Amino acid sequence: MYNIIRTDKAEDQLRDIIFYIADDSGSVNIALKYLDKIEESINRLKEFPSSGSIPRYSIIRKQDYKVVIVEKHLIFYKANEKKKEVIIYAIVDGRREYKNLI
């Protein structure tokens, strides 16, 4: 099992996403259900750290990031085999230009 570590940036991005969904939908429950989906995908990386896809942008790919897709959001991470860690670097809206957000 790998340990999951989140950067402050990823935490801030996730919080912003959930607040936006709650505000946009008018429902805290909808936002919390979406948070559960994201958390499930992140927690799956504990057992399957290589399960993410290779990012489409070469500049991100060359930095050894992997990506997990949850509906319209992308979770960028790196797995450290030696330390048995998965580090979550960013959680962004895949419809935006995200190259510079990571």
PDB file of N, CA and C in Angstrom:
ATOM      1  N   MET A   1       0.833  -1.195   0.000  1.00  0.00           N
ATOM      2  CA  MET A   1       0.000   0.000   0.000  1.00  0.00           C
ATOM      3  C   MET A   1       0.874   1.253   0.000  1.00  0.00           C
ATOM      4  N   TYR A   2       0.463   2.210  -0.785  1.00  0.00           N
ATOM      5  CA  TYR A   2       1.156   3.489  -0.869  1.00  0.00           C
ATOM      6  C   TYR A   2       0.480   4.509   0.046  1.00  0.00           C
ATOM      7  N   ASN A   3       1.266   5.441   0.514  1.00  0.00           N
ATOM      8  CA  ASN A   3       0.752   6.550   1.314  1.00  0.00           C
ATOM      9  C   ASN A   3       0.381   7.682   0.358  1.00  0.00           C
ATOM     10  N   ILE A   4      -0.755   8.322   0.582  1.00  0.00           N
ATOM     11  CA  ILE A   4      -1.193   9.439  -0.250  1.00  0.00           C
ATOM     12  C   ILE A   4      -0.789  10.747   0.420  1.00  0.00           C
ATOM     13  N   ILE A   5      -0.129  11.605  -0.341  1.00  0.00           N
ATOM     14  CA  ILE A   5       0.267  12.930   0.132  1.00  0.00           C
ATOM     15  C   ILE A   5      -0.309  13.939  -0.847  1.00  0.00           C
ATOM     16  N   ARG A   6      -0.907  14.985  -0.318  1.00  0.00           N
ATOM     17  CA  ARG A   6      -1.468  16.035  -1.173  1.00  0.00           C
ATOM     18  C   ARG A   6      -0.710  17.332  -0.934  1.00  0.00           C
ATOM     19  N   THR A   7      -0.404  18.001  -2.010  1.00  0.00           N
ATOM     20  CA  THR A   7       0.220  19.311  -1.873  1.00  0.00           C
ATOM     21  C   THR A   7      -0.846  20.313  -1.416  1.00  0.00           C
ATOM     22  N   ASP A   8      -0.390  21.420  -0.864  1.00  0.00           N
ATOM     23  CA  ASP A   8      -1.323  22.478  -0.464  1.00  0.00           C
ATOM     24  C   ASP A   8      -2.110  22.979  -1.670  1.00  0.00           C
ATOM     25  N   LYS A   9      -1.438  23.050  -2.801  1.00  0.00           N
ATOM     26  CA  LYS A   9      -2.085  23.511  -4.030  1.00  0.00           C
ATOM     27  C   LYS A   9      -3.247  22.590  -4.408  1.00  0.00           C
ATOM     28  N   ALA A  10      -3.017  21.281  -4.344  1.00  0.00           N
ATOM     29  CA  ALA A  10      -4.070  20.325  -4.680  1.00  0.00           C
ATOM     30  C   ALA A  10      -5.234  20.428  -3.691  1.00  0.00           C
ATOM     31  N   GLU A  11      -4.924  20.608  -2.420  1.00  0.00           N
ATOM     32  CA  GLU A  11      -5.973  20.774  -1.405  1.00  0.00           C
ATOM     33  C   GLU A  11      -6.805  22.015  -1.693  1.00  0.00           C
ATOM     34  N   ASP A  12      -6.143  23.115  -2.015  1.00  0.00           N
ATOM     35  CA  ASP A  12      -6.850  24.366  -2.329  1.00  0.00           C
ATOM     36  C   ASP A  12      -7.725  24.206  -3.567  1.00  0.00           C
ATOM     37  N   GLN A  13      -7.193  23.548  -4.581  1.00  0.00           N
ATOM     38  CA  GLN A  13      -7.954  23.343  -5.808  1.00  0.00           C
ATOM     39  C   GLN A  13      -9.188  22.480  -5.547  1.00  0.00           C
ATOM     40  N   LEU A  14      -9.024  21.421  -4.757  1.00  0.00           N
ATOM     41  CA  LEU A  14     -10.153  20.551  -4.441  1.00  0.00           C
ATOM     42  C   LEU A  14     -11.221  21.318  -3.665  1.00  0.00           C
ATOM     43  N   ARG A  15     -10.802  22.085  -2.697  1.00  0.00           N
ATOM     44  CA  ARG A  15     -11.748  22.889  -1.906  1.00  0.00           C
ATOM     45  C   ARG A  15     -12.510  23.855  -2.821  1.00  0.00           C
ATOM     46  N   ASP A  16     -11.800  24.518  -3.734  1.00  0.00           N
ATOM     47  CA  ASP A  16     -12.447  25.448  -4.666  1.00  0.00           C
ATOM     48  C   ASP A  16     -13.468  24.731  -5.556  1.00  0.00           C
ATOM     49  N   ILE A  17     -13.128  23.541  -6.014  1.00  0.00           N
ATOM     50  CA  ILE A  17     -14.037  22.755  -6.863  1.00  0.00           C
ATOM     51  C   ILE A  17     -15.315  22.430  -6.100  1.00  0.00           C
ATOM     52  N   ILE A  18     -15.170  21.960  -4.880  1.00  0.00           N
ATOM     53  CA  ILE A  18     -16.335  21.553  -4.089  1.00  0.00           C
ATOM     54  C   ILE A  18     -17.196  22.765  -3.738  1.00  0.00           C
ATOM     55  N   PHE A  19     -16.574  23.869  -3.351  1.00  0.00           N
ATOM     56  CA  PHE A  19     -17.339  25.089  -3.072  1.00  0.00           C
ATOM     57  C   PHE A  19     -18.084  25.566  -4.312  1.00  0.00           C
ATOM     58  N   TYR A  20     -17.420  25.511  -5.459  1.00  0.00           N
ATOM     59  CA  TYR A  20     -18.055  25.932  -6.698  1.00  0.00           C
ATOM     60  C   TYR A  20     -19.279  25.056  -7.003  1.00  0.00           C
ATOM     61  N   ILE A  21     -19.129  23.749  -6.882  1.00  0.00           N
ATOM     62  CA  ILE A  21     -20.242  22.842  -7.170  1.00  0.00           C
ATOM     63  C   ILE A  21     -21.401  23.094  -6.209  1.00  0.00           C
ATOM     64  N   ALA A  22     -21.098  23.279  -4.943  1.00  0.00           N
ATOM     65  CA  ALA A  22     -22.151  23.553  -3.957  1.00  0.00           C
ATOM     66  C   ALA A  22     -22.881  24.850  -4.291  1.00  0.00           C
ATOM     67  N   ASP A  23     -22.117  25.861  -4.659  1.00  0.00           N
ATOM     68  CA  ASP A  23     -22.705  27.159  -4.989  1.00  0.00           C
ATOM     69  C   ASP A  23     -23.503  27.095  -6.291  1.00  0.00           C
ATOM     70  N   ASP A  24     -22.921  26.468  -7.303  1.00  0.00           N
ATOM     71  CA  ASP A  24     -23.553  26.392  -8.619  1.00  0.00           C
ATOM     72  C   ASP A  24     -24.819  25.539  -8.598  1.00  0.00           C
ATOM     73  N   SER A  25     -24.775  24.436  -7.876  1.00  0.00           N
ATOM     74  CA  SER A  25     -25.915  23.517  -7.846  1.00  0.00           C
ATOM     75  C   SER A  25     -26.939  23.908  -6.772  1.00  0.00           C
ATOM     76  N   GLY A  26     -26.475  24.681  -5.798  1.00  0.00           N
ATOM     77  CA  GLY A  26     -27.354  25.026  -4.685  1.00  0.00           C
ATOM     78  C   GLY A  26     -27.532  23.873  -3.713  1.00  0.00           C
ATOM     79  N   SER A  27     -26.671  22.864  -3.824  1.00  0.00           N
ATOM     80  CA  SER A  27     -26.810  21.677  -2.983  1.00  0.00           C
ATOM     81  C   SER A  27     -25.459  21.236  -2.424  1.00  0.00           C
ATOM     82  N   VAL A  28     -25.363  21.232  -1.117  1.00  0.00           N
ATOM     83  CA  VAL A  28     -24.156  20.732  -0.461  1.00  0.00           C
ATOM     84  C   VAL A  28     -24.038  19.228  -0.689  1.00  0.00           C
ATOM     85  N   ASN A  29     -25.171  18.537  -0.738  1.00  0.00           N
ATOM     86  CA  ASN A  29     -25.140  17.079  -0.938  1.00  0.00           C
ATOM     87  C   ASN A  29     -24.540  16.692  -2.281  1.00  0.00           C
ATOM     88  N   ILE A  30     -24.871  17.442  -3.319  1.00  0.00           N
ATOM     89  CA  ILE A  30     -24.298  17.169  -4.645  1.00  0.00           C
ATOM     90  C   ILE A  30     -22.783  17.368  -4.597  1.00  0.00           C
ATOM     91  N   ALA A  31     -22.354  18.436  -3.961  1.00  0.00           N
ATOM     92  CA  ALA A  31     -20.918  18.713  -3.850  1.00  0.00           C
ATOM     93  C   ALA A  31     -20.211  17.620  -3.061  1.00  0.00           C
ATOM     94  N   LEU A  32     -20.833  17.164  -1.979  1.00  0.00           N
ATOM     95  CA  LEU A  32     -20.214  16.117  -1.154  1.00  0.00           C
ATOM     96  C   LEU A  32     -20.162  14.774  -1.885  1.00  0.00           C
ATOM     97  N   LYS A  33     -21.162  14.480  -2.698  1.00  0.00           N
ATOM     98  CA  LYS A  33     -21.134  13.247  -3.499  1.00  0.00           C
ATOM     99  C   LYS A  33     -19.992  13.299  -4.514  1.00  0.00           C
ATOM    100  N   TYR A  34     -19.787  14.473  -5.101  1.00  0.00           N
ATOM    101  CA  TYR A  34     -18.693  14.620  -6.053  1.00  0.00           C
ATOM    102  C   TYR A  34     -17.344  14.509  -5.336  1.00  0.00           C
ATOM    103  N   LEU A  35     -17.262  15.089  -4.154  1.00  0.00           N
ATOM    104  CA  LEU A  35     -16.047  14.953  -3.337  1.00  0.00           C
ATOM    105  C   LEU A  35     -15.756  13.483  -3.067  1.00  0.00           C
ATOM    106  N   ASP A  36     -16.794  12.704  -2.759  1.00  0.00           N
ATOM    107  CA  ASP A  36     -16.621  11.262  -2.529  1.00  0.00           C
ATOM    108  C   ASP A  36     -16.041  10.571  -3.758  1.00  0.00           C
ATOM    109  N   LYS A  37     -16.510  10.952  -4.952  1.00  0.00           N
ATOM    110  CA  LYS A  37     -15.986  10.357  -6.191  1.00  0.00           C
ATOM    111  C   LYS A  37     -14.489  10.645  -6.337  1.00  0.00           C
ATOM    112  N   ILE A  38     -14.126  11.881  -6.073  1.00  0.00           N
ATOM    113  CA  ILE A  38     -12.717  12.256  -6.192  1.00  0.00           C
ATOM    114  C   ILE A  38     -11.883  11.517  -5.151  1.00  0.00           C
ATOM    115  N   GLU A  39     -12.374  11.466  -3.923  1.00  0.00           N
ATOM    116  CA  GLU A  39     -11.657  10.771  -2.847  1.00  0.00           C
ATOM    117  C   GLU A  39     -11.494   9.286  -3.160  1.00  0.00           C
ATOM    118  N   GLU A  40     -12.522   8.660  -3.710  1.00  0.00           N
ATOM    119  CA  GLU A  40     -12.429   7.240  -4.077  1.00  0.00           C
ATOM    120  C   GLU A  40     -11.337   7.027  -5.117  1.00  0.00           C
ATOM    121  N   SER A  41     -11.288   7.899  -6.105  1.00  0.00           N
ATOM    122  CA  SER A  41     -10.266   7.775  -7.155  1.00  0.00           C
ATOM    123  C   SER A  41      -8.866   7.960  -6.594  1.00  0.00           C
ATOM    124  N   ILE A  42      -8.713   8.912  -5.689  1.00  0.00           N
ATOM    125  CA  ILE A  42      -7.405   9.136  -5.061  1.00  0.00           C
ATOM    126  C   ILE A  42      -7.029   7.949  -4.183  1.00  0.00           C
ATOM    127  N   ASN A  43      -7.968   7.453  -3.403  1.00  0.00           N
ATOM    128  CA  ASN A  43      -7.676   6.325  -2.505  1.00  0.00           C
ATOM    129  C   ASN A  43      -7.360   5.038  -3.261  1.00  0.00           C
ATOM    130  N   ARG A  44      -7.896   4.899  -4.461  1.00  0.00           N
ATOM    131  CA  ARG A  44      -7.590   3.731  -5.288  1.00  0.00           C
ATOM    132  C   ARG A  44      -6.098   3.684  -5.639  1.00  0.00           C
ATOM    133  N   LEU A  45      -5.468   4.860  -5.669  1.00  0.00           N
ATOM    134  CA  LEU A  45      -4.037   4.929  -5.990  1.00  0.00           C
ATOM    135  C   LEU A  45      -3.170   4.300  -4.894  1.00  0.00           C
ATOM    136  N   LYS A  46      -3.715   4.122  -3.701  1.00  0.00           N
ATOM    137  CA  LYS A  46      -2.966   3.457  -2.625  1.00  0.00           C
ATOM    138  C   LYS A  46      -2.568   2.049  -3.046  1.00  0.00           C
ATOM    139  N   GLU A  47      -3.469   1.379  -3.740  1.00  0.00           N
ATOM    140  CA  GLU A  47      -3.202   0.003  -4.177  1.00  0.00           C
ATOM    141  C   GLU A  47      -2.730  -0.080  -5.625  1.00  0.00           C
ATOM    142  N   PHE A  48      -3.129   0.888  -6.415  1.00  0.00           N
ATOM    143  CA  PHE A  48      -2.811   0.855  -7.848  1.00  0.00           C
ATOM    144  C   PHE A  48      -2.182   2.173  -8.287  1.00  0.00           C
ATOM    145  N   PRO A  49      -0.970   2.460  -7.831  1.00  0.00           N
ATOM    146  CA  PRO A  49      -0.349   3.758  -8.131  1.00  0.00           C
ATOM    147  C   PRO A  49      -0.009   3.975  -9.609  1.00  0.00           C
ATOM    148  N   SER A  50       0.025   2.928 -10.370  1.00  0.00           N
ATOM    149  CA  SER A  50       0.350   3.068 -11.802  1.00  0.00           C
ATOM    150  C   SER A  50      -0.895   3.106 -12.677  1.00  0.00           C
ATOM    151  N   SER A  51      -2.060   3.176 -12.066  1.00  0.00           N
ATOM    152  CA  SER A  51      -3.301   3.065 -12.831  1.00  0.00           C
ATOM    153  C   SER A  51      -3.681   4.313 -13.611  1.00  0.00           C
ATOM    154  N   GLY A  52      -3.033   5.423 -13.338  1.00  0.00           N
ATOM    155  CA  GLY A  52      -3.355   6.658 -14.051  1.00  0.00           C
ATOM    156  C   GLY A  52      -2.906   6.610 -15.499  1.00  0.00           C
ATOM    157  N   SER A  53      -3.436   7.529 -16.260  1.00  0.00           N
ATOM    158  CA  SER A  53      -3.090   7.644 -17.681  1.00  0.00           C
ATOM    159  C   SER A  53      -1.898   8.576 -17.853  1.00  0.00           C
ATOM    160  N   ILE A  54      -1.314   8.516 -19.038  1.00  0.00           N
ATOM    161  CA  ILE A  54      -0.220   9.421 -19.380  1.00  0.00           C
ATOM    162  C   ILE A  54      -0.845  10.710 -19.897  1.00  0.00           C
ATOM    163  N   PRO A  55      -0.437  11.865 -19.378  1.00  0.00           N
ATOM    164  CA  PRO A  55      -1.014  13.142 -19.818  1.00  0.00           C
ATOM    165  C   PRO A  55      -0.765  13.422 -21.295  1.00  0.00           C
ATOM    166  N   ARG A  56      -1.658  14.184 -21.892  1.00  0.00           N
ATOM    167  CA  ARG A  56      -1.541  14.455 -23.331  1.00  0.00           C
ATOM    168  C   ARG A  56      -0.464  15.480 -23.667  1.00  0.00           C
ATOM    169  N   TYR A  57      -0.196  16.426 -22.763  1.00  0.00           N
ATOM    170  CA  TYR A  57       0.828  17.437 -23.038  1.00  0.00           C
ATOM    171  C   TYR A  57       2.208  16.870 -22.758  1.00  0.00           C
ATOM    172  N   SER A  58       3.099  16.996 -23.722  1.00  0.00           N
ATOM    173  CA  SER A  58       4.432  16.402 -23.581  1.00  0.00           C
ATOM    174  C   SER A  58       5.219  17.022 -22.425  1.00  0.00           C
ATOM    175  N   ILE A  59       5.023  18.307 -22.175  1.00  0.00           N
ATOM    176  CA  ILE A  59       5.767  18.953 -21.089  1.00  0.00           C
ATOM    177  C   ILE A  59       5.387  18.351 -19.731  1.00  0.00           C
ATOM    178  N   ILE A  60       4.153  17.954 -19.580  1.00  0.00           N
ATOM    179  CA  ILE A  60       3.690  17.316 -18.334  1.00  0.00           C
ATOM    180  C   ILE A  60       4.133  15.855 -18.323  1.00  0.00           C
ATOM    181  N   ARG A  61       4.039  15.219 -19.468  1.00  0.00           N
ATOM    182  CA  ARG A  61       4.447  13.819 -19.601  1.00  0.00           C
ATOM    183  C   ARG A  61       5.915  13.639 -19.254  1.00  0.00           C
ATOM    184  N   LYS A  62       6.761  14.567 -19.715  1.00  0.00           N
ATOM    185  CA  LYS A  62       8.208  14.477 -19.480  1.00  0.00           C
ATOM    186  C   LYS A  62       8.573  14.625 -18.004  1.00  0.00           C
ATOM    187  N   GLN A  63       7.680  15.198 -17.218  1.00  0.00           N
ATOM    188  CA  GLN A  63       7.934  15.366 -15.785  1.00  0.00           C
ATOM    189  C   GLN A  63       7.414  14.177 -14.974  1.00  0.00           C
ATOM    190  N   ASP A  64       7.023  13.108 -15.671  1.00  0.00           N
ATOM    191  CA  ASP A  64       6.579  11.847 -15.060  1.00  0.00           C
ATOM    192  C   ASP A  64       5.261  11.935 -14.296  1.00  0.00           C
ATOM    193  N   TYR A  65       4.426  12.896 -14.652  1.00  0.00           N
ATOM    194  CA  TYR A  65       3.099  12.942 -14.046  1.00  0.00           C
ATOM    195  C   TYR A  65       2.228  11.862 -14.642  1.00  0.00           C
ATOM    196  N   LYS A  66       1.287  11.409 -13.861  1.00  0.00           N
ATOM    197  CA  LYS A  66       0.197  10.546 -14.324  1.00  0.00           C
ATOM    198  C   LYS A  66      -1.075  11.321 -14.037  1.00  0.00           C
ATOM    199  N   VAL A  67      -2.166  10.928 -14.669  1.00  0.00           N
ATOM    200  CA  VAL A  67      -3.431  11.629 -14.469  1.00  0.00           C
ATOM    201  C   VAL A  67      -4.570  10.625 -14.284  1.00  0.00           C
ATOM    202  N   VAL A  68      -5.448  10.956 -13.347  1.00  0.00           N
ATOM    203  CA  VAL A  68      -6.677  10.200 -13.132  1.00  0.00           C
ATOM    204  C   VAL A  68      -7.817  11.145 -13.486  1.00  0.00           C
ATOM    205  N   ILE A  69      -8.769  10.628 -14.253  1.00  0.00           N
ATOM    206  CA  ILE A  69      -9.895  11.446 -14.691  1.00  0.00           C
ATOM    207  C   ILE A  69     -11.125  11.096 -13.867  1.00  0.00           C
ATOM    208  N   VAL A  70     -11.737  12.131 -13.292  1.00  0.00           N
ATOM    209  CA  VAL A  70     -12.996  11.984 -12.568  1.00  0.00           C
ATOM    210  C   VAL A  70     -13.966  12.972 -13.206  1.00  0.00           C
ATOM    211  N   GLU A  71     -14.852  12.438 -14.022  1.00  0.00           N
ATOM    212  CA  GLU A  71     -15.781  13.250 -14.804  1.00  0.00           C
ATOM    213  C   GLU A  71     -15.014  14.318 -15.577  1.00  0.00           C
ATOM    214  N   LYS A  72     -15.164  15.595 -15.214  1.00  0.00           N
ATOM    215  CA  LYS A  72     -14.484  16.646 -15.981  1.00  0.00           C
ATOM    216  C   LYS A  72     -13.214  17.147 -15.306  1.00  0.00           C
ATOM    217  N   HIS A  73     -12.827  16.511 -14.208  1.00  0.00           N
ATOM    218  CA  HIS A  73     -11.631  16.951 -13.485  1.00  0.00           C
ATOM    219  C   HIS A  73     -10.476  15.972 -13.650  1.00  0.00           C
ATOM    220  N   LEU A  74      -9.277  16.532 -13.631  1.00  0.00           N
ATOM    221  CA  LEU A  74      -8.057  15.752 -13.797  1.00  0.00           C
ATOM    222  C   LEU A  74      -7.238  15.846 -12.521  1.00  0.00           C
ATOM    223  N   ILE A  75      -6.791  14.705 -12.042  1.00  0.00           N
ATOM    224  CA  ILE A  75      -5.964  14.637 -10.841  1.00  0.00           C
ATOM    225  C   ILE A  75      -4.555  14.261 -11.296  1.00  0.00           C
ATOM    226  N   PHE A  76      -3.621  15.177 -11.111  1.00  0.00           N
ATOM    227  CA  PHE A  76      -2.236  14.942 -11.516  1.00  0.00           C
ATOM    228  C   PHE A  76      -1.420  14.496 -10.306  1.00  0.00           C
ATOM    229  N   TYR A  77      -0.652  13.427 -10.511  1.00  0.00           N
ATOM    230  CA  TYR A  77       0.127  12.873  -9.411  1.00  0.00           C
ATOM    231  C   TYR A  77       1.398  12.224  -9.914  1.00  0.00           C
ATOM    232  N   LYS A  78       2.280  11.938  -8.963  1.00  0.00           N
ATOM    233  CA  LYS A  78       3.483  11.151  -9.222  1.00  0.00           C
ATOM    234  C   LYS A  78       3.565  10.084  -8.145  1.00  0.00           C
ATOM    235  N   ALA A  79       4.040   8.917  -8.536  1.00  0.00           N
ATOM    236  CA  ALA A  79       4.241   7.829  -7.586  1.00  0.00           C
ATOM    237  C   ALA A  79       5.737   7.663  -7.330  1.00  0.00           C
ATOM    238  N   ASN A  80       6.095   7.558  -6.067  1.00  0.00           N
ATOM    239  CA  ASN A  80       7.482   7.334  -5.672  1.00  0.00           C
ATOM    240  C   ASN A  80       7.593   5.894  -5.176  1.00  0.00           C
ATOM    241  N   GLU A  81       8.195   5.059  -6.007  1.00  0.00           N
ATOM    242  CA  GLU A  81       8.307   3.627  -5.698  1.00  0.00           C
ATOM    243  C   GLU A  81       9.107   3.366  -4.416  1.00  0.00           C
ATOM    244  N   LYS A  82      10.217   4.066  -4.267  1.00  0.00           N
ATOM    245  CA  LYS A  82      11.091   3.830  -3.114  1.00  0.00           C
ATOM    246  C   LYS A  82      10.413   4.152  -1.791  1.00  0.00           C
ATOM    247  N   LYS A  83       9.731   5.283  -1.753  1.00  0.00           N
ATOM    248  CA  LYS A  83       9.079   5.725  -0.511  1.00  0.00           C
ATOM    249  C   LYS A  83       7.650   5.187  -0.367  1.00  0.00           C
ATOM    250  N   LYS A  84       7.165   4.508  -1.407  1.00  0.00           N
ATOM    251  CA  LYS A  84       5.792   4.003  -1.423  1.00  0.00           C
ATOM    252  C   LYS A  84       4.803   5.139  -1.175  1.00  0.00           C
ATOM    253  N   GLU A  85       4.977   6.230  -1.957  1.00  0.00           N
ATOM    254  CA  GLU A  85       4.126   7.403  -1.828  1.00  0.00           C
ATOM    255  C   GLU A  85       3.513   7.779  -3.174  1.00  0.00           C
ATOM    256  N   VAL A  86       2.304   8.283  -3.102  1.00  0.00           N
ATOM    257  CA  VAL A  86       1.656   8.912  -4.247  1.00  0.00           C
ATOM    258  C   VAL A  86       1.433  10.356  -3.836  1.00  0.00           C
ATOM    259  N   ILE A  87       1.997  11.275  -4.620  1.00  0.00           N
ATOM    260  CA  ILE A  87       1.870  12.695  -4.305  1.00  0.00           C
ATOM    261  C   ILE A  87       0.903  13.328  -5.300  1.00  0.00           C
ATOM    262  N   ILE A  88      -0.184  13.880  -4.765  1.00  0.00           N
ATOM    263  CA  ILE A  88      -1.183  14.566  -5.579  1.00  0.00           C
ATOM    264  C   ILE A  88      -0.731  16.016  -5.715  1.00  0.00           C
ATOM    265  N   TYR A  89      -0.484  16.439  -6.957  1.00  0.00           N
ATOM    266  CA  TYR A  89       0.030  17.783  -7.200  1.00  0.00           C
ATOM    267  C   TYR A  89      -1.052  18.779  -7.611  1.00  0.00           C
ATOM    268  N   ALA A  90      -2.059  18.320  -8.331  1.00  0.00           N
ATOM    269  CA  ALA A  90      -3.078  19.252  -8.811  1.00  0.00           C
ATOM    270  C   ALA A  90      -4.372  18.514  -9.123  1.00  0.00           C
ATOM    271  N   ILE A  91      -5.483  19.232  -8.943  1.00  0.00           N
ATOM    272  CA  ILE A  91      -6.804  18.744  -9.321  1.00  0.00           C
ATOM    273  C   ILE A  91      -7.451  19.886 -10.093  1.00  0.00           C
ATOM    274  N   VAL A  92      -7.588  19.704 -11.396  1.00  0.00           N
ATOM    275  CA  VAL A  92      -8.022  20.806 -12.257  1.00  0.00           C
ATOM    276  C   VAL A  92      -9.174  20.393 -13.174  1.00  0.00           C
ATOM    277  N   ASP A  93      -9.859  21.394 -13.670  1.00  0.00           N
ATOM    278  CA  ASP A  93     -10.935  21.184 -14.630  1.00  0.00           C
ATOM    279  C   ASP A  93     -10.301  20.884 -15.988  1.00  0.00           C
ATOM    280  N   GLY A  94     -10.589  19.743 -16.542  1.00  0.00           N
ATOM    281  CA  GLY A  94      -9.999  19.322 -17.807  1.00  0.00           C
ATOM    282  C   GLY A  94     -10.438  20.148 -18.996  1.00  0.00           C
ATOM    283  N   ARG A  95     -11.471  20.963 -18.839  1.00  0.00           N
ATOM    284  CA  ARG A  95     -11.945  21.802 -19.943  1.00  0.00           C
ATOM    285  C   ARG A  95     -11.136  23.086 -20.044  1.00  0.00           C
ATOM    286  N   ARG A  96     -10.340  23.365 -19.030  1.00  0.00           N
ATOM    287  CA  ARG A  96      -9.516  24.581 -19.031  1.00  0.00           C
ATOM    288  C   ARG A  96      -8.127  24.264 -19.562  1.00  0.00           C
ATOM    289  N   GLU A  97      -7.409  25.293 -19.891  1.00  0.00           N
ATOM    290  CA  GLU A  97      -6.003  25.143 -20.286  1.00  0.00           C
ATOM    291  C   GLU A  97      -5.221  24.944 -18.993  1.00  0.00           C
ATOM    292  N   TYR A  98      -4.851  23.722 -18.718  1.00  0.00           N
ATOM    293  CA  TYR A  98      -4.292  23.396 -17.404  1.00  0.00           C
ATOM    294  C   TYR A  98      -2.780  23.232 -17.382  1.00  0.00           C
ATOM    295  N   LYS A  99      -2.110  23.374 -18.510  1.00  0.00           N
ATOM    296  CA  LYS A  99      -0.645  23.188 -18.542  1.00  0.00           C
ATOM    297  C   LYS A  99       0.065  24.006 -17.484  1.00  0.00           C
ATOM    298  N   ASN A 100      -0.379  25.226 -17.286  1.00  0.00           N
ATOM    299  CA  ASN A 100       0.306  26.113 -16.350  1.00  0.00           C
ATOM    300  C   ASN A 100      -0.256  26.055 -14.931  1.00  0.00           C
ATOM    301  N   LEU A 101      -1.250  25.233 -14.699  1.00  0.00           N
ATOM    302  CA  LEU A 101      -1.864  25.141 -13.376  1.00  0.00           C
ATOM    303  C   LEU A 101      -1.183  24.115 -12.478  1.00  0.00           C
ATOM    304  N   ILE A 102      -0.312  23.328 -13.052  1.00  0.00           N
ATOM    305  CA  ILE A 102       0.314  22.248 -12.276  1.00  0.00           C
ATOM    306  C   ILE A 102       1.616  22.729 -11.675  1.00  0.00           C
TER     307      ILE A 102
END
